[in-house]
């Protein structure tokens, strides 16, 4: 029996030995995602695709995959994949949920604390040879303990962030599509989005990217926030209007921001955002602990293997394909 053909769109943090008995595997070895024309060329000849959020798997590409049996994405989100087209083709799509919650919550807190206490600015200050003595007003930051934390989206990651906030005796507000039963155990209060903006010292975004959340943070929202507020985004870059954020930070409508995601991504080297000293940007690494990324890769491979063999995917985005 001939082996399946599989294309993996980037090097993974674990070996692909589990695929050896059943598949011939080609791995895209460049740091940049495979161009659209390369994906289109590969898709027509493969049985399985293991992809990342950076790959645009649109209708045209899916329809060109005439022998495609499964799409397995190494990510929780899947807004880069045309799920309705895949479902219409009875093509299962896999993802890797419930694995990066703690790593992402930890990193959101890393950004929050670093922004509050101006850690990156302080490091640059020292490296530039500007540290001359102890000064009473040098690089003053914000208190975290006892402050008000606003969480936009109280899903698994938002809840994990809230649990960590309890250790800092923070007042926790959240805004979500519906009130959640878990709020009492978290010590969180459900409020309107506007009230959250007006009362929070820190606002951290953990909502999915949808039509409703696209540019959820733009000029009107920044104007409602405290001038001392700090914005954290580890969700999706498009939830924040980049131009509005630049103006808000430049004009000190808000004190600071820390982003692990940008729009566009990666951020352009000439972006005006990079000229701001009250903005910290990291390269989409919130889930980048080694154990987390290795588990994500393992789950993506398990989904891929199941799909190739005609079995139900352990973590399927569109389970209706099995009906």
C-alpha atoms as a PDB file:
ATOM      1  CA  UNK A   1       0.000   0.000   0.000  1.00  0.00           C
ATOM      2  CA  UNK A   2       1.410   3.379  -0.995  1.00  0.00           C
ATOM      3  CA  UNK A   3       1.937   5.996   1.666  1.00  0.00           C
ATOM      4  CA  UNK A   4      -0.093   9.158   2.074  1.00  0.00           C
ATOM      5  CA  UNK A   5       1.486  12.440   1.041  1.00  0.00           C
ATOM      6  CA  UNK A   6       1.687  15.202   3.628  1.00  0.00           C
ATOM      7  CA  UNK A   7       2.872  18.798   3.505  1.00  0.00           C
ATOM      8  CA  UNK A   8       3.894  20.571   6.732  1.00  0.00           C
ATOM      9  CA  UNK A   9       4.142  24.334   6.359  1.00  0.00           C
ATOM     10  CA  UNK A  10       6.936  24.881   8.914  1.00  0.00           C
ATOM     11  CA  UNK A  11       9.504  23.051  11.007  1.00  0.00           C
ATOM     12  CA  UNK A  12       7.919  21.783  14.220  1.00  0.00           C
ATOM     13  CA  UNK A  13       9.496  21.584  17.694  1.00  0.00           C
ATOM     14  CA  UNK A  14       9.198  17.773  17.750  1.00  0.00           C
ATOM     15  CA  UNK A  15      10.198  14.997  15.359  1.00  0.00           C
ATOM     16  CA  UNK A  16       7.685  13.683  12.842  1.00  0.00           C
ATOM     17  CA  UNK A  17       8.528  10.007  13.431  1.00  0.00           C
ATOM     18  CA  UNK A  18       4.875   9.120  14.062  1.00  0.00           C
ATOM     19  CA  UNK A  19       4.132   9.895  10.439  1.00  0.00           C
ATOM     20  CA  UNK A  20       6.893   7.714   8.965  1.00  0.00           C
ATOM     21  CA  UNK A  21       4.904   4.446   8.816  1.00  0.00           C
ATOM     22  CA  UNK A  22       1.989   5.960   6.915  1.00  0.00           C
ATOM     23  CA  UNK A  23       3.136   9.069   5.085  1.00  0.00           C
ATOM     24  CA  UNK A  24       5.783  10.656   2.939  1.00  0.00           C
ATOM     25  CA  UNK A  25       6.282  14.056   4.523  1.00  0.00           C
ATOM     26  CA  UNK A  26       7.583  17.275   3.027  1.00  0.00           C
ATOM     27  CA  UNK A  27       8.394  20.093   5.449  1.00  0.00           C
ATOM     28  CA  UNK A  28       8.717  23.710   4.370  1.00  0.00           C
ATOM     29  CA  UNK A  29      12.081  24.660   5.841  1.00  0.00           C
ATOM     30  CA  UNK A  30      12.077  28.447   5.432  1.00  0.00           C
ATOM     31  CA  UNK A  31      11.351  30.856   8.304  1.00  0.00           C
ATOM     32  CA  UNK A  32       8.711  32.631   6.237  1.00  0.00           C
ATOM     33  CA  UNK A  33       5.413  30.861   5.451  1.00  0.00           C
ATOM     34  CA  UNK A  34       5.199  29.157   2.076  1.00  0.00           C
ATOM     35  CA  UNK A  35       3.924  31.624  -0.560  1.00  0.00           C
ATOM     36  CA  UNK A  36       0.393  31.195  -1.862  1.00  0.00           C
ATOM     37  CA  UNK A  37       1.604  29.825  -5.189  1.00  0.00           C
ATOM     38  CA  UNK A  38       3.675  27.171  -3.430  1.00  0.00           C
ATOM     39  CA  UNK A  39       0.715  26.128  -1.279  1.00  0.00           C
ATOM     40  CA  UNK A  40      -1.463  25.965  -4.364  1.00  0.00           C
ATOM     41  CA  UNK A  41       1.117  23.822  -6.131  1.00  0.00           C
ATOM     42  CA  UNK A  42       1.431  21.417  -3.192  1.00  0.00           C
ATOM     43  CA  UNK A  43      -2.238  21.137  -2.252  1.00  0.00           C
ATOM     44  CA  UNK A  44      -3.314  19.284  -5.381  1.00  0.00           C
ATOM     45  CA  UNK A  45      -0.980  16.371  -4.724  1.00  0.00           C
ATOM     46  CA  UNK A  46      -1.313  15.801  -0.978  1.00  0.00           C
ATOM     47  CA  UNK A  47      -3.611  13.867   1.327  1.00  0.00           C
ATOM     48  CA  UNK A  48      -2.889  15.849   4.482  1.00  0.00           C
ATOM     49  CA  UNK A  49      -1.927  19.422   5.332  1.00  0.00           C
ATOM     50  CA  UNK A  50      -0.438  20.483   8.658  1.00  0.00           C
ATOM     51  CA  UNK A  51      -0.515  24.275   8.783  1.00  0.00           C
ATOM     52  CA  UNK A  52      -0.160  27.313  11.048  1.00  0.00           C
ATOM     53  CA  UNK A  53      -2.126  30.509  11.653  1.00  0.00           C
ATOM     54  CA  UNK A  54       0.173  32.319   9.250  1.00  0.00           C
ATOM     55  CA  UNK A  55      -1.060  30.200   6.326  1.00  0.00           C
ATOM     56  CA  UNK A  56      -4.158  31.449   4.525  1.00  0.00           C
ATOM     57  CA  UNK A  57      -6.204  28.372   3.701  1.00  0.00           C
ATOM     58  CA  UNK A  58      -8.972  29.946   1.612  1.00  0.00           C
ATOM     59  CA  UNK A  59     -11.746  28.566  -0.555  1.00  0.00           C
ATOM     60  CA  UNK A  60      -9.644  28.506  -3.721  1.00  0.00           C
ATOM     61  CA  UNK A  61      -6.906  26.536  -1.998  1.00  0.00           C
ATOM     62  CA  UNK A  62      -9.266  24.047  -0.364  1.00  0.00           C
ATOM     63  CA  UNK A  63     -11.115  23.397  -3.611  1.00  0.00           C
ATOM     64  CA  UNK A  64      -7.785  22.748  -5.335  1.00  0.00           C
ATOM     65  CA  UNK A  65      -7.014  20.003  -2.800  1.00  0.00           C
ATOM     66  CA  UNK A  66      -8.871  17.301  -4.677  1.00  0.00           C
ATOM     67  CA  UNK A  67      -7.222  14.433  -2.761  1.00  0.00           C
ATOM     68  CA  UNK A  68      -7.076  16.258   0.581  1.00  0.00           C
ATOM     69  CA  UNK A  69      -8.396  14.204   3.487  1.00  0.00           C
ATOM     70  CA  UNK A  70      -7.567  16.428   6.461  1.00  0.00           C
ATOM     71  CA  UNK A  71      -6.343  19.875   7.439  1.00  0.00           C
ATOM     72  CA  UNK A  72      -4.606  19.957  10.810  1.00  0.00           C
ATOM     73  CA  UNK A  73      -3.708  23.318  12.290  1.00  0.00           C
ATOM     74  CA  UNK A  74      -1.150  23.777  15.058  1.00  0.00           C
ATOM     75  CA  UNK A  75      -3.097  26.511  16.828  1.00  0.00           C
ATOM     76  CA  UNK A  76      -6.220  27.033  18.888  1.00  0.00           C
ATOM     77  CA  UNK A  77      -7.698  29.621  16.532  1.00  0.00           C
ATOM     78  CA  UNK A  78      -8.597  28.888  12.925  1.00  0.00           C
ATOM     79  CA  UNK A  79      -9.796  32.187  11.441  1.00  0.00           C
ATOM     80  CA  UNK A  80      -7.212  31.727   8.660  1.00  0.00           C
ATOM     81  CA  UNK A  81      -9.100  28.676   7.347  1.00  0.00           C
ATOM     82  CA  UNK A  82     -12.318  28.800   5.317  1.00  0.00           C
ATOM     83  CA  UNK A  83     -14.242  26.418   7.560  1.00  0.00           C
ATOM     84  CA  UNK A  84     -17.549  26.564   5.602  1.00  0.00           C
ATOM     85  CA  UNK A  85     -15.777  25.491   2.400  1.00  0.00           C
ATOM     86  CA  UNK A  86     -13.954  22.689   4.204  1.00  0.00           C
ATOM     87  CA  UNK A  87     -17.198  21.509   5.764  1.00  0.00           C
ATOM     88  CA  UNK A  88     -19.002  21.583   2.413  1.00  0.00           C
ATOM     89  CA  UNK A  89     -16.226  19.336   1.098  1.00  0.00           C
ATOM     90  CA  UNK A  90     -16.673  16.996   4.112  1.00  0.00           C
ATOM     91  CA  UNK A  91     -13.076  17.836   4.996  1.00  0.00           C
ATOM     92  CA  UNK A  92     -12.300  17.681   8.738  1.00  0.00           C
ATOM     93  CA  UNK A  93     -10.226  20.495  10.194  1.00  0.00           C
ATOM     94  CA  UNK A  94      -8.230  19.925  13.361  1.00  0.00           C
ATOM     95  CA  UNK A  95      -6.850  22.388  15.911  1.00  0.00           C
ATOM     96  CA  UNK A  96      -5.054  22.278  19.274  1.00  0.00           C
ATOM     97  CA  UNK A  97      -7.344  23.613  22.030  1.00  0.00           C
ATOM     98  CA  UNK A  98      -6.935  23.635  25.818  1.00  0.00           C
ATOM     99  CA  UNK A  99      -3.164  23.344  25.723  1.00  0.00           C
ATOM    100  CA  UNK A 100      -1.825  26.879  25.724  1.00  0.00           C
ATOM    101  CA  UNK A 101      -4.092  28.412  28.363  1.00  0.00           C
ATOM    102  CA  UNK A 102      -1.564  28.633  31.182  1.00  0.00           C
ATOM    103  CA  UNK A 103       1.375  29.592  28.967  1.00  0.00           C
ATOM    104  CA  UNK A 104      -0.628  32.432  27.408  1.00  0.00           C
ATOM    105  CA  UNK A 105      -2.016  33.620  30.741  1.00  0.00           C
ATOM    106  CA  UNK A 106       1.503  33.607  32.181  1.00  0.00           C
ATOM    107  CA  UNK A 107       2.725  35.697  29.260  1.00  0.00           C
ATOM    108  CA  UNK A 108      -0.147  38.156  29.496  1.00  0.00           C
ATOM    109  CA  UNK A 109       0.971  38.700  33.080  1.00  0.00           C
ATOM    110  CA  UNK A 110       4.580  39.002  31.926  1.00  0.00           C
ATOM    111  CA  UNK A 111       3.572  41.822  29.589  1.00  0.00           C
ATOM    112  CA  UNK A 112       1.342  43.459  32.185  1.00  0.00           C
ATOM    113  CA  UNK A 113       4.043  43.537  34.836  1.00  0.00           C
ATOM    114  CA  UNK A 114       6.793  44.584  32.440  1.00  0.00           C
ATOM    115  CA  UNK A 115       4.658  47.428  31.089  1.00  0.00           C
ATOM    116  CA  UNK A 116       3.522  48.538  34.538  1.00  0.00           C
ATOM    117  CA  UNK A 117       7.079  48.762  35.849  1.00  0.00           C
ATOM    118  CA  UNK A 118       8.647  49.913  32.554  1.00  0.00           C
ATOM    119  CA  UNK A 119      11.099  47.025  32.467  1.00  0.00           C
ATOM    120  CA  UNK A 120      12.068  47.337  28.798  1.00  0.00           C
ATOM    121  CA  UNK A 121      12.575  51.102  29.111  1.00  0.00           C
ATOM    122  CA  UNK A 122      14.721  50.532  32.186  1.00  0.00           C
ATOM    123  CA  UNK A 123      16.887  47.965  30.406  1.00  0.00           C
ATOM    124  CA  UNK A 124      17.448  50.344  27.489  1.00  0.00           C
ATOM    125  CA  UNK A 125      18.219  53.143  29.928  1.00  0.00           C
ATOM    126  CA  UNK A 126      20.983  51.103  31.563  1.00  0.00           C
ATOM    127  CA  UNK A 127      22.441  49.841  28.277  1.00  0.00           C
ATOM    128  CA  UNK A 128      22.597  53.415  26.971  1.00  0.00           C
ATOM    129  CA  UNK A 129      24.841  54.361  29.908  1.00  0.00           C
ATOM    130  CA  UNK A 130      22.255  56.709  31.431  1.00  0.00           C
ATOM    131  CA  UNK A 131      22.149  55.138  34.909  1.00  0.00           C
ATOM    132  CA  UNK A 132      24.131  57.563  37.040  1.00  0.00           C
ATOM    133  CA  UNK A 133      22.617  57.288  40.517  1.00  0.00           C
ATOM    134  CA  UNK A 134      19.453  56.410  42.441  1.00  0.00           C
ATOM    135  CA  UNK A 135      16.812  59.050  41.670  1.00  0.00           C
ATOM    136  CA  UNK A 136      13.462  59.476  43.443  1.00  0.00           C
ATOM    137  CA  UNK A 137      11.508  60.051  40.220  1.00  0.00           C
ATOM    138  CA  UNK A 138      13.378  57.732  37.850  1.00  0.00           C
ATOM    139  CA  UNK A 139      11.180  55.518  35.609  1.00  0.00           C
ATOM    140  CA  UNK A 140       8.142  55.645  37.847  1.00  0.00           C
ATOM    141  CA  UNK A 141       5.579  53.002  37.002  1.00  0.00           C
ATOM    142  CA  UNK A 142       2.157  51.780  38.100  1.00  0.00           C
ATOM    143  CA  UNK A 143       1.086  49.715  41.090  1.00  0.00           C
ATOM    144  CA  UNK A 144      -0.355  46.292  40.304  1.00  0.00           C
ATOM    145  CA  UNK A 145      -1.479  45.129  43.747  1.00  0.00           C
ATOM    146  CA  UNK A 146      -4.938  46.483  44.501  1.00  0.00           C
ATOM    147  CA  UNK A 147      -5.457  47.883  41.011  1.00  0.00           C
ATOM    148  CA  UNK A 148      -8.480  47.212  38.790  1.00  0.00           C
ATOM    149  CA  UNK A 149      -8.029  44.671  36.016  1.00  0.00           C
ATOM    150  CA  UNK A 150     -10.437  44.619  33.078  1.00  0.00           C
ATOM    151  CA  UNK A 151     -10.600  41.345  31.145  1.00  0.00           C
ATOM    152  CA  UNK A 152     -12.178  41.440  27.693  1.00  0.00           C
ATOM    153  CA  UNK A 153     -13.280  37.875  27.018  1.00  0.00           C
ATOM    154  CA  UNK A 154     -13.519  35.532  30.003  1.00  0.00           C
ATOM    155  CA  UNK A 155     -12.832  32.276  28.225  1.00  0.00           C
ATOM    156  CA  UNK A 156     -10.235  29.768  29.401  1.00  0.00           C
ATOM    157  CA  UNK A 157      -7.315  32.178  29.052  1.00  0.00           C
ATOM    158  CA  UNK A 158      -9.238  35.093  30.530  1.00  0.00           C
ATOM    159  CA  UNK A 159     -10.214  32.932  33.507  1.00  0.00           C
ATOM    160  CA  UNK A 160      -6.589  31.874  34.007  1.00  0.00           C
ATOM    161  CA  UNK A 161      -5.555  35.534  33.993  1.00  0.00           C
ATOM    162  CA  UNK A 162      -8.249  36.296  36.575  1.00  0.00           C
ATOM    163  CA  UNK A 163      -7.031  33.514  38.862  1.00  0.00           C
ATOM    164  CA  UNK A 164      -3.551  35.021  38.790  1.00  0.00           C
ATOM    165  CA  UNK A 165      -4.973  38.484  39.514  1.00  0.00           C
ATOM    166  CA  UNK A 166      -6.491  37.255  42.782  1.00  0.00           C
ATOM    167  CA  UNK A 167      -2.965  36.824  44.112  1.00  0.00           C
ATOM    168  CA  UNK A 168      -2.424  40.555  43.632  1.00  0.00           C
ATOM    169  CA  UNK A 169      -5.659  41.466  45.450  1.00  0.00           C
ATOM    170  CA  UNK A 170      -6.925  43.100  42.282  1.00  0.00           C
ATOM    171  CA  UNK A 171     -10.468  44.164  41.611  1.00  0.00           C
ATOM    172  CA  UNK A 172     -11.459  42.129  38.553  1.00  0.00           C
ATOM    173  CA  UNK A 173     -13.975  43.297  35.959  1.00  0.00           C
ATOM    174  CA  UNK A 174     -14.875  41.410  32.825  1.00  0.00           C
ATOM    175  CA  UNK A 175     -16.911  41.985  29.688  1.00  0.00           C
ATOM    176  CA  UNK A 176     -18.170  39.038  27.658  1.00  0.00           C
ATOM    177  CA  UNK A 177     -21.090  38.082  25.452  1.00  0.00           C
ATOM    178  CA  UNK A 178     -22.844  36.531  28.438  1.00  0.00           C
ATOM    179  CA  UNK A 179     -22.561  36.429  32.183  1.00  0.00           C
ATOM    180  CA  UNK A 180     -20.664  33.379  33.420  1.00  0.00           C
ATOM    181  CA  UNK A 181     -21.408  31.171  36.451  1.00  0.00           C
ATOM    182  CA  UNK A 182     -17.699  30.991  37.254  1.00  0.00           C
ATOM    183  CA  UNK A 183     -17.440  34.698  38.071  1.00  0.00           C
ATOM    184  CA  UNK A 184     -18.082  34.224  41.792  1.00  0.00           C
ATOM    185  CA  UNK A 185     -15.232  31.748  42.246  1.00  0.00           C
ATOM    186  CA  UNK A 186     -12.946  34.094  40.313  1.00  0.00           C
ATOM    187  CA  UNK A 187     -14.013  37.138  42.281  1.00  0.00           C
ATOM    188  CA  UNK A 188     -14.873  38.836  38.980  1.00  0.00           C
ATOM    189  CA  UNK A 189     -17.690  41.270  38.244  1.00  0.00           C
ATOM    190  CA  UNK A 190     -19.500  41.296  34.898  1.00  0.00           C
ATOM    191  CA  UNK A 191     -19.828  44.862  33.587  1.00  0.00           C
ATOM    192  CA  UNK A 192     -20.542  46.614  30.318  1.00  0.00           C
ATOM    193  CA  UNK A 193     -17.621  47.127  27.971  1.00  0.00           C
ATOM    194  CA  UNK A 194     -17.843  50.895  28.448  1.00  0.00           C
ATOM    195  CA  UNK A 195     -17.710  50.612  32.216  1.00  0.00           C
ATOM    196  CA  UNK A 196     -14.754  48.252  31.998  1.00  0.00           C
ATOM    197  CA  UNK A 197     -12.879  50.800  29.885  1.00  0.00           C
ATOM    198  CA  UNK A 198     -13.676  53.656  32.242  1.00  0.00           C
ATOM    199  CA  UNK A 199     -12.734  51.931  35.497  1.00  0.00           C
ATOM    200  CA  UNK A 200      -9.810  49.622  34.650  1.00  0.00           C
ATOM    201  CA  UNK A 201      -6.175  50.384  35.376  1.00  0.00           C
ATOM    202  CA  UNK A 202      -5.145  47.472  33.168  1.00  0.00           C
ATOM    203  CA  UNK A 203      -7.152  46.115  30.236  1.00  0.00           C
ATOM    204  CA  UNK A 204      -6.183  42.716  28.845  1.00  0.00           C
ATOM    205  CA  UNK A 205      -7.729  41.262  25.680  1.00  0.00           C
ATOM    206  CA  UNK A 206      -8.638  37.569  25.452  1.00  0.00           C
ATOM    207  CA  UNK A 207     -11.521  37.643  22.968  1.00  0.00           C
ATOM    208  CA  UNK A 208     -11.597  35.799  19.636  1.00  0.00           C
ATOM    209  CA  UNK A 209     -11.388  37.728  16.380  1.00  0.00           C
ATOM    210  CA  UNK A 210     -14.880  38.064  14.889  1.00  0.00           C
ATOM    211  CA  UNK A 211     -16.806  40.670  12.929  1.00  0.00           C
ATOM    212  CA  UNK A 212     -17.879  42.130  16.271  1.00  0.00           C
ATOM    213  CA  UNK A 213     -14.385  42.317  17.769  1.00  0.00           C
ATOM    214  CA  UNK A 214     -12.540  43.624  14.696  1.00  0.00           C
ATOM    215  CA  UNK A 215     -11.124  47.024  15.765  1.00  0.00           C
ATOM    216  CA  UNK A 216     -13.028  46.708  19.038  1.00  0.00           C
ATOM    217  CA  UNK A 217     -10.361  49.027  20.400  1.00  0.00           C
ATOM    218  CA  UNK A 218     -10.236  52.216  18.367  1.00  0.00           C
ATOM    219  CA  UNK A 219     -10.297  55.973  19.021  1.00  0.00           C
ATOM    220  CA  UNK A 220     -13.623  56.106  20.942  1.00  0.00           C
ATOM    221  CA  UNK A 221     -12.539  53.289  23.257  1.00  0.00           C
ATOM    222  CA  UNK A 222      -9.140  54.803  23.998  1.00  0.00           C
ATOM    223  CA  UNK A 223     -10.836  58.097  24.834  1.00  0.00           C
ATOM    224  CA  UNK A 224     -12.977  56.314  27.452  1.00  0.00           C
ATOM    225  CA  UNK A 225      -9.999  54.699  29.170  1.00  0.00           C
ATOM    226  CA  UNK A 226      -8.066  56.212  32.053  1.00  0.00           C
ATOM    227  CA  UNK A 227      -5.046  58.266  31.045  1.00  0.00           C
ATOM    228  CA  UNK A 228      -3.058  56.019  33.386  1.00  0.00           C
ATOM    229  CA  UNK A 229      -4.421  52.787  31.827  1.00  0.00           C
ATOM    230  CA  UNK A 230      -2.254  50.089  30.270  1.00  0.00           C
ATOM    231  CA  UNK A 231      -3.530  47.871  27.419  1.00  0.00           C
ATOM    232  CA  UNK A 232      -2.370  44.259  26.965  1.00  0.00           C
ATOM    233  CA  UNK A 233      -3.164  42.197  23.850  1.00  0.00           C
ATOM    234  CA  UNK A 234      -2.244  38.534  23.504  1.00  0.00           C
ATOM    235  CA  UNK A 235      -5.339  37.633  21.430  1.00  0.00           C
ATOM    236  CA  UNK A 236      -5.445  38.856  17.815  1.00  0.00           C
ATOM    237  CA  UNK A 237      -3.832  41.963  16.361  1.00  0.00           C
ATOM    238  CA  UNK A 238      -6.893  43.029  14.382  1.00  0.00           C
ATOM    239  CA  UNK A 239      -8.901  43.562  17.569  1.00  0.00           C
ATOM    240  CA  UNK A 240      -6.883  46.757  18.065  1.00  0.00           C
ATOM    241  CA  UNK A 241      -6.919  49.586  15.507  1.00  0.00           C
ATOM    242  CA  UNK A 242      -3.171  50.173  15.067  1.00  0.00           C
ATOM    243  CA  UNK A 243      -3.474  53.776  13.879  1.00  0.00           C
ATOM    244  CA  UNK A 244      -5.795  54.683  16.749  1.00  0.00           C
ATOM    245  CA  UNK A 245      -3.445  52.996  19.224  1.00  0.00           C
ATOM    246  CA  UNK A 246      -0.513  55.002  17.891  1.00  0.00           C
ATOM    247  CA  UNK A 247      -2.384  58.266  18.386  1.00  0.00           C
ATOM    248  CA  UNK A 248      -3.613  57.253  21.846  1.00  0.00           C
ATOM    249  CA  UNK A 249      -0.095  56.389  22.998  1.00  0.00           C
ATOM    250  CA  UNK A 250       1.561  59.367  21.345  1.00  0.00           C
ATOM    251  CA  UNK A 251      -0.943  61.804  22.842  1.00  0.00           C
ATOM    252  CA  UNK A 252      -0.895  59.953  26.200  1.00  0.00           C
ATOM    253  CA  UNK A 253      -4.612  59.214  26.115  1.00  0.00           C
ATOM    254  CA  UNK A 254      -3.490  55.976  27.731  1.00  0.00           C
ATOM    255  CA  UNK A 255      -0.219  55.428  29.551  1.00  0.00           C
ATOM    256  CA  UNK A 256       1.175  52.391  27.782  1.00  0.00           C
ATOM    257  CA  UNK A 257       0.478  49.204  25.863  1.00  0.00           C
ATOM    258  CA  UNK A 258       2.092  45.804  25.461  1.00  0.00           C
ATOM    259  CA  UNK A 259       1.294  43.676  22.406  1.00  0.00           C
ATOM    260  CA  UNK A 260       2.162  40.105  21.508  1.00  0.00           C
ATOM    261  CA  UNK A 261       0.068  40.377  18.330  1.00  0.00           C
ATOM    262  CA  UNK A 262      -0.101  43.157  15.757  1.00  0.00           C
ATOM    263  CA  UNK A 263      -1.964  44.189  12.633  1.00  0.00           C
ATOM    264  CA  UNK A 264      -0.351  43.506  10.240  1.00  0.00           C
ATOM    265  CA  UNK A 265       1.734  40.665  11.566  1.00  0.00           C
ATOM    266  CA  UNK A 266       4.662  40.789  11.604  1.00  0.00           C
ATOM    267  CA  UNK A 267       4.702  44.528  12.185  1.00  0.00           C
ATOM    268  CA  UNK A 268       6.383  46.530   9.432  1.00  0.00           C
ATOM    269  CA  UNK A 269       9.856  47.824  10.402  1.00  0.00           C
ATOM    270  CA  UNK A 270       8.786  51.330   9.379  1.00  0.00           C
ATOM    271  CA  UNK A 271       5.635  51.298  11.534  1.00  0.00           C
ATOM    272  CA  UNK A 272       5.205  54.432  13.608  1.00  0.00           C
ATOM    273  CA  UNK A 273       4.300  52.224  16.556  1.00  0.00           C
ATOM    274  CA  UNK A 274       7.960  51.263  16.800  1.00  0.00           C
ATOM    275  CA  UNK A 275       8.918  54.874  17.474  1.00  0.00           C
ATOM    276  CA  UNK A 276       7.012  54.913  20.786  1.00  0.00           C
ATOM    277  CA  UNK A 277       8.773  54.347  24.092  1.00  0.00           C
ATOM    278  CA  UNK A 278       5.522  53.554  25.924  1.00  0.00           C
ATOM    279  CA  UNK A 279       4.773  50.518  23.753  1.00  0.00           C
ATOM    280  CA  UNK A 280       6.263  47.040  24.106  1.00  0.00           C
ATOM    281  CA  UNK A 281       5.899  44.509  21.277  1.00  0.00           C
ATOM    282  CA  UNK A 282       6.838  40.822  21.287  1.00  0.00           C
ATOM    283  CA  UNK A 283       6.717  38.490  18.233  1.00  0.00           C
ATOM    284  CA  UNK A 284       3.595  36.392  18.961  1.00  0.00           C
ATOM    285  CA  UNK A 285       5.269  34.211  21.592  1.00  0.00           C
ATOM    286  CA  UNK A 286       2.579  33.977  24.290  1.00  0.00           C
ATOM    287  CA  UNK A 287       2.370  30.186  23.900  1.00  0.00           C
ATOM    288  CA  UNK A 288       6.099  29.771  23.346  1.00  0.00           C
ATOM    289  CA  UNK A 289       7.057  27.665  26.323  1.00  0.00           C
ATOM    290  CA  UNK A 290       8.802  24.538  25.108  1.00  0.00           C
ATOM    291  CA  UNK A 291       6.388  22.057  26.757  1.00  0.00           C
ATOM    292  CA  UNK A 292       3.371  23.925  25.365  1.00  0.00           C
ATOM    293  CA  UNK A 293       4.626  24.127  21.793  1.00  0.00           C
ATOM    294  CA  UNK A 294       5.705  20.476  21.851  1.00  0.00           C
ATOM    295  CA  UNK A 295       2.258  19.413  23.057  1.00  0.00           C
ATOM    296  CA  UNK A 296       0.587  21.572  20.388  1.00  0.00           C
ATOM    297  CA  UNK A 297       2.690  19.893  17.697  1.00  0.00           C
ATOM    298  CA  UNK A 298       1.877  16.444  19.095  1.00  0.00           C
ATOM    299  CA  UNK A 299      -1.857  17.210  19.038  1.00  0.00           C
ATOM    300  CA  UNK A 300      -1.641  18.528  15.477  1.00  0.00           C
ATOM    301  CA  UNK A 301       0.108  15.339  14.378  1.00  0.00           C
ATOM    302  CA  UNK A 302      -2.524  13.205  16.130  1.00  0.00           C
ATOM    303  CA  UNK A 303      -5.276  15.072  14.272  1.00  0.00           C
ATOM    304  CA  UNK A 304      -3.410  14.615  11.011  1.00  0.00           C
ATOM    305  CA  UNK A 305      -2.908  10.873  11.499  1.00  0.00           C
ATOM    306  CA  UNK A 306      -6.569  10.349  12.402  1.00  0.00           C
ATOM    307  CA  UNK A 307      -7.724  12.241   9.340  1.00  0.00           C
ATOM    308  CA  UNK A 308      -5.440  10.309   7.005  1.00  0.00           C
ATOM    309  CA  UNK A 309      -6.716   7.012   8.380  1.00  0.00           C
ATOM    310  CA  UNK A 310     -10.351   8.079   8.106  1.00  0.00           C
ATOM    311  CA  UNK A 311     -10.823   8.185  11.873  1.00  0.00           C
ATOM    312  CA  UNK A 312     -12.543  10.956  13.799  1.00  0.00           C
ATOM    313  CA  UNK A 313     -10.156  13.790  14.676  1.00  0.00           C
ATOM    314  CA  UNK A 314      -9.465  14.043  18.435  1.00  0.00           C
ATOM    315  CA  UNK A 315      -9.904  17.833  18.216  1.00  0.00           C
ATOM    316  CA  UNK A 316     -12.132  18.750  15.307  1.00  0.00           C
ATOM    317  CA  UNK A 317     -13.283  22.284  14.452  1.00  0.00           C
ATOM    318  CA  UNK A 318     -16.167  21.110  12.241  1.00  0.00           C
ATOM    319  CA  UNK A 319     -17.519  17.829  13.686  1.00  0.00           C
ATOM    320  CA  UNK A 320     -20.597  18.123  11.474  1.00  0.00           C
ATOM    321  CA  UNK A 321     -18.528  16.495   8.706  1.00  0.00           C
ATOM    322  CA  UNK A 322     -19.084  13.211  10.540  1.00  0.00           C
ATOM    323  CA  UNK A 323     -22.873  13.438  10.502  1.00  0.00           C
END
